[in-house]
C-alpha atoms as a PDB file:
ATOM      1  CA  MET A   1     -22.077 -38.768  32.498  1.00  0.00           C
ATOM      2  CA  ILE A   2     -21.237 -36.219  29.779  1.00  0.00           C
ATOM      3  CA  ASP A   3     -20.360 -32.668  30.661  1.00  0.00           C
ATOM      4  CA  SER A   4     -21.960 -29.985  28.536  1.00  0.00           C
ATOM      5  CA  ASP A   5     -18.538 -28.268  28.227  1.00  0.00           C
ATOM      6  CA  ASP A   6     -17.150 -31.166  26.172  1.00  0.00           C
ATOM      7  CA  THR A   7     -19.756 -30.846  23.427  1.00  0.00           C
ATOM      8  CA  GLN A   8     -19.328 -27.123  22.753  1.00  0.00           C
ATOM      9  CA  PRO A   9     -16.641 -25.903  20.386  1.00  0.00           C
ATOM     10  CA  PRO A  10     -13.979 -23.636  21.862  1.00  0.00           C
ATOM     11  CA  VAL A  11     -14.836 -19.951  21.784  1.00  0.00           C
ATOM     12  CA  PRO A  12     -12.392 -17.951  19.657  1.00  0.00           C
ATOM     13  CA  ARG A  13     -10.594 -15.081  21.300  1.00  0.00           C
ATOM     14  CA  PRO A  14     -12.040 -11.651  20.405  1.00  0.00           C
ATOM     15  CA  ASN A  15      -8.701 -10.362  19.093  1.00  0.00           C
ATOM     16  CA  ARG A  16      -8.393 -13.214  16.620  1.00  0.00           C
ATOM     17  CA  VAL A  17     -11.901 -12.593  15.337  1.00  0.00           C
ATOM     18  CA  LEU A  18     -11.280  -8.850  14.944  1.00  0.00           C
ATOM     19  CA  ASP A  19      -7.959  -9.485  13.212  1.00  0.00           C
ATOM     20  CA  ALA A  20      -9.614 -11.882  10.794  1.00  0.00           C
ATOM     21  CA  LEU A  21     -12.357  -9.357  10.054  1.00  0.00           C
ATOM     22  CA  LYS A  22      -9.804  -6.610   9.415  1.00  0.00           C
ATOM     23  CA  ARG A  23      -7.826  -8.846   7.045  1.00  0.00           C
ATOM     24  CA  ALA A  24     -10.984  -9.796   5.166  1.00  0.00           C
ATOM     25  CA  GLU A  25     -12.047  -6.165   4.896  1.00  0.00           C
ATOM     26  CA  ARG A  26      -8.635  -5.114   3.547  1.00  0.00           C
ATOM     27  CA  LYS A  27      -8.696  -7.929   1.030  1.00  0.00           C
ATOM     28  CA  VAL A  28     -12.138  -6.979  -0.266  1.00  0.00           C
ATOM     29  CA  LEU A  29     -11.915  -3.196  -0.136  1.00  0.00           C
ATOM     30  CA  THR A  30      -8.366  -2.506  -1.287  1.00  0.00           C
ATOM     31  CA  ARG A  31      -6.732  -2.883  -4.639  1.00  0.00           C
ATOM     32  CA  PRO A  32      -3.264  -4.344  -5.028  1.00  0.00           C
ATOM     33  CA  ALA A  33      -0.424  -1.827  -4.931  1.00  0.00           C
ATOM     34  CA  PRO A  34       0.940  -0.736  -8.320  1.00  0.00           C
ATOM     35  CA  GLN A  35       4.097  -2.597  -9.326  1.00  0.00           C
ATOM     36  CA  SER A  36       5.825  -0.519 -12.011  1.00  0.00           C
ATOM     37  CA  ALA A  37       7.613   2.738 -11.199  1.00  0.00           C
ATOM     38  CA  GLU A  38       5.364   4.649 -13.599  1.00  0.00           C
ATOM     39  CA  ALA A  39       2.199   3.254 -11.991  1.00  0.00           C
ATOM     40  CA  GLN A  40       3.532   3.969  -8.505  1.00  0.00           C
ATOM     41  CA  ILE A  41       4.357   7.562  -9.490  1.00  0.00           C
ATOM     42  CA  GLU A  42       0.857   8.025 -10.950  1.00  0.00           C
ATOM     43  CA  PHE A  43      -0.744   6.600  -7.809  1.00  0.00           C
ATOM     44  CA  LEU A  44       1.304   8.851  -5.519  1.00  0.00           C
ATOM     45  CA  TYR A  45       0.782  11.831  -7.837  1.00  0.00           C
ATOM     46  CA  THR A  46      -2.974  11.433  -7.471  1.00  0.00           C
ATOM     47  CA  ARG A  47      -2.608  11.100  -3.696  1.00  0.00           C
ATOM     48  CA  ALA A  48      -0.472  14.263  -3.623  1.00  0.00           C
ATOM     49  CA  LYS A  49      -3.418  16.159  -5.158  1.00  0.00           C
ATOM     50  CA  ARG A  50      -1.723  16.312  -8.549  1.00  0.00           C
ATOM     51  CA  SER A  51       1.204  18.380  -7.301  1.00  0.00           C
ATOM     52  CA  THR A  52       4.519  17.495  -8.919  1.00  0.00           C
ATOM     53  CA  LYS A  53       6.416  19.637  -6.422  1.00  0.00           C
ATOM     54  CA  ALA A  54       4.759  18.023  -3.372  1.00  0.00           C
ATOM     55  CA  LEU A  55       5.399  14.510  -4.707  1.00  0.00           C
ATOM     56  CA  ALA A  56       9.022  15.343  -5.504  1.00  0.00           C
ATOM     57  CA  GLU A  57       9.569  16.598  -1.947  1.00  0.00           C
ATOM     58  CA  GLN A  58       7.873  13.508  -0.545  1.00  0.00           C
ATOM     59  CA  LEU A  59      10.144  11.183  -2.552  1.00  0.00           C
ATOM     60  CA  GLY A  60      13.308  13.256  -2.230  1.00  0.00           C
ATOM     61  CA  VAL A  61      13.788  13.844  -5.963  1.00  0.00           C
ATOM     62  CA  SER A  62      13.479  16.816  -8.294  1.00  0.00           C
ATOM     63  CA  PRO A  63      10.130  17.788  -9.808  1.00  0.00           C
ATOM     64  CA  ARG A  64      11.663  17.118 -13.240  1.00  0.00           C
ATOM     65  CA  SER A  65      12.335  13.488 -12.236  1.00  0.00           C
ATOM     66  CA  VAL A  66       8.676  13.070 -11.338  1.00  0.00           C
ATOM     67  CA  GLN A  67       7.722  14.525 -14.725  1.00  0.00           C
ATOM     68  CA  ARG A  68      10.056  12.106 -16.524  1.00  0.00           C
ATOM     69  CA  TYR A  69       8.563   9.074 -14.806  1.00  0.00           C
ATOM     70  CA  ARG A  70       5.017  10.275 -15.478  1.00  0.00           C
ATOM     71  CA  ALA A  71       5.841  10.781 -19.160  1.00  0.00           C
ATOM     72  CA  GLY A  72       7.468   7.353 -19.419  1.00  0.00           C
ATOM     73  CA  GLN A  73      10.879   8.786 -20.305  1.00  0.00           C
ATOM     74  CA  GLN A  74      12.415   6.995 -17.326  1.00  0.00           C
ATOM     75  CA  THR A  75      11.315   3.558 -16.236  1.00  0.00           C
ATOM     76  CA  LYS A  76      13.990   2.172 -13.906  1.00  0.00           C
ATOM     77  CA  PRO A  77      14.400   4.180 -10.706  1.00  0.00           C
ATOM     78  CA  GLN A  78      17.577   4.194  -8.673  1.00  0.00           C
ATOM     79  CA  LYS A  79      17.580   2.054  -5.527  1.00  0.00           C
ATOM     80  CA  ARG A  80      16.893   4.989  -3.192  1.00  0.00           C
ATOM     81  CA  LEU A  81      13.912   6.161  -5.237  1.00  0.00           C
ATOM     82  CA  GLN A  82      12.622   2.596  -5.654  1.00  0.00           C
ATOM     83  CA  ALA A  83      12.690   2.112  -1.881  1.00  0.00           C
ATOM     84  CA  ALA A  84      10.845   5.414  -1.365  1.00  0.00           C
ATOM     85  CA  LEU A  85       8.232   4.455  -3.975  1.00  0.00           C
ATOM     86  CA  VAL A  86       7.559   1.088  -2.333  1.00  0.00           C
ATOM     87  CA  GLU A  87       7.376   2.591   1.140  1.00  0.00           C
ATOM     88  CA  GLU A  88       5.062   5.453   0.154  1.00  0.00           C
ATOM     89  CA  THR A  89       2.837   3.254  -1.989  1.00  0.00           C
ATOM     90  CA  LYS A  90       2.281   0.718   0.786  1.00  0.00           C
ATOM     91  CA  SER A  91       1.576   3.327   3.456  1.00  0.00           C
END
């Protein structure tokens, strides 16, 4: 005698299904984070409503530093600024 429970596949837990749907949605609807310092600055500058002063305060640097990165005059940020760029870009 065969039980009907043995022939049915296991039911996935609701949390696993929702997590999988969220991951799939993020993968489809989001772009990869910018990698270069200049691209990260541009991305954050747009998010800061094109305010150099607001972005500088957010990153803990001077407005002139933000201008230099946007103009391409500086390309390699110091470790503290690099960490802030990565953190702000991913959030």
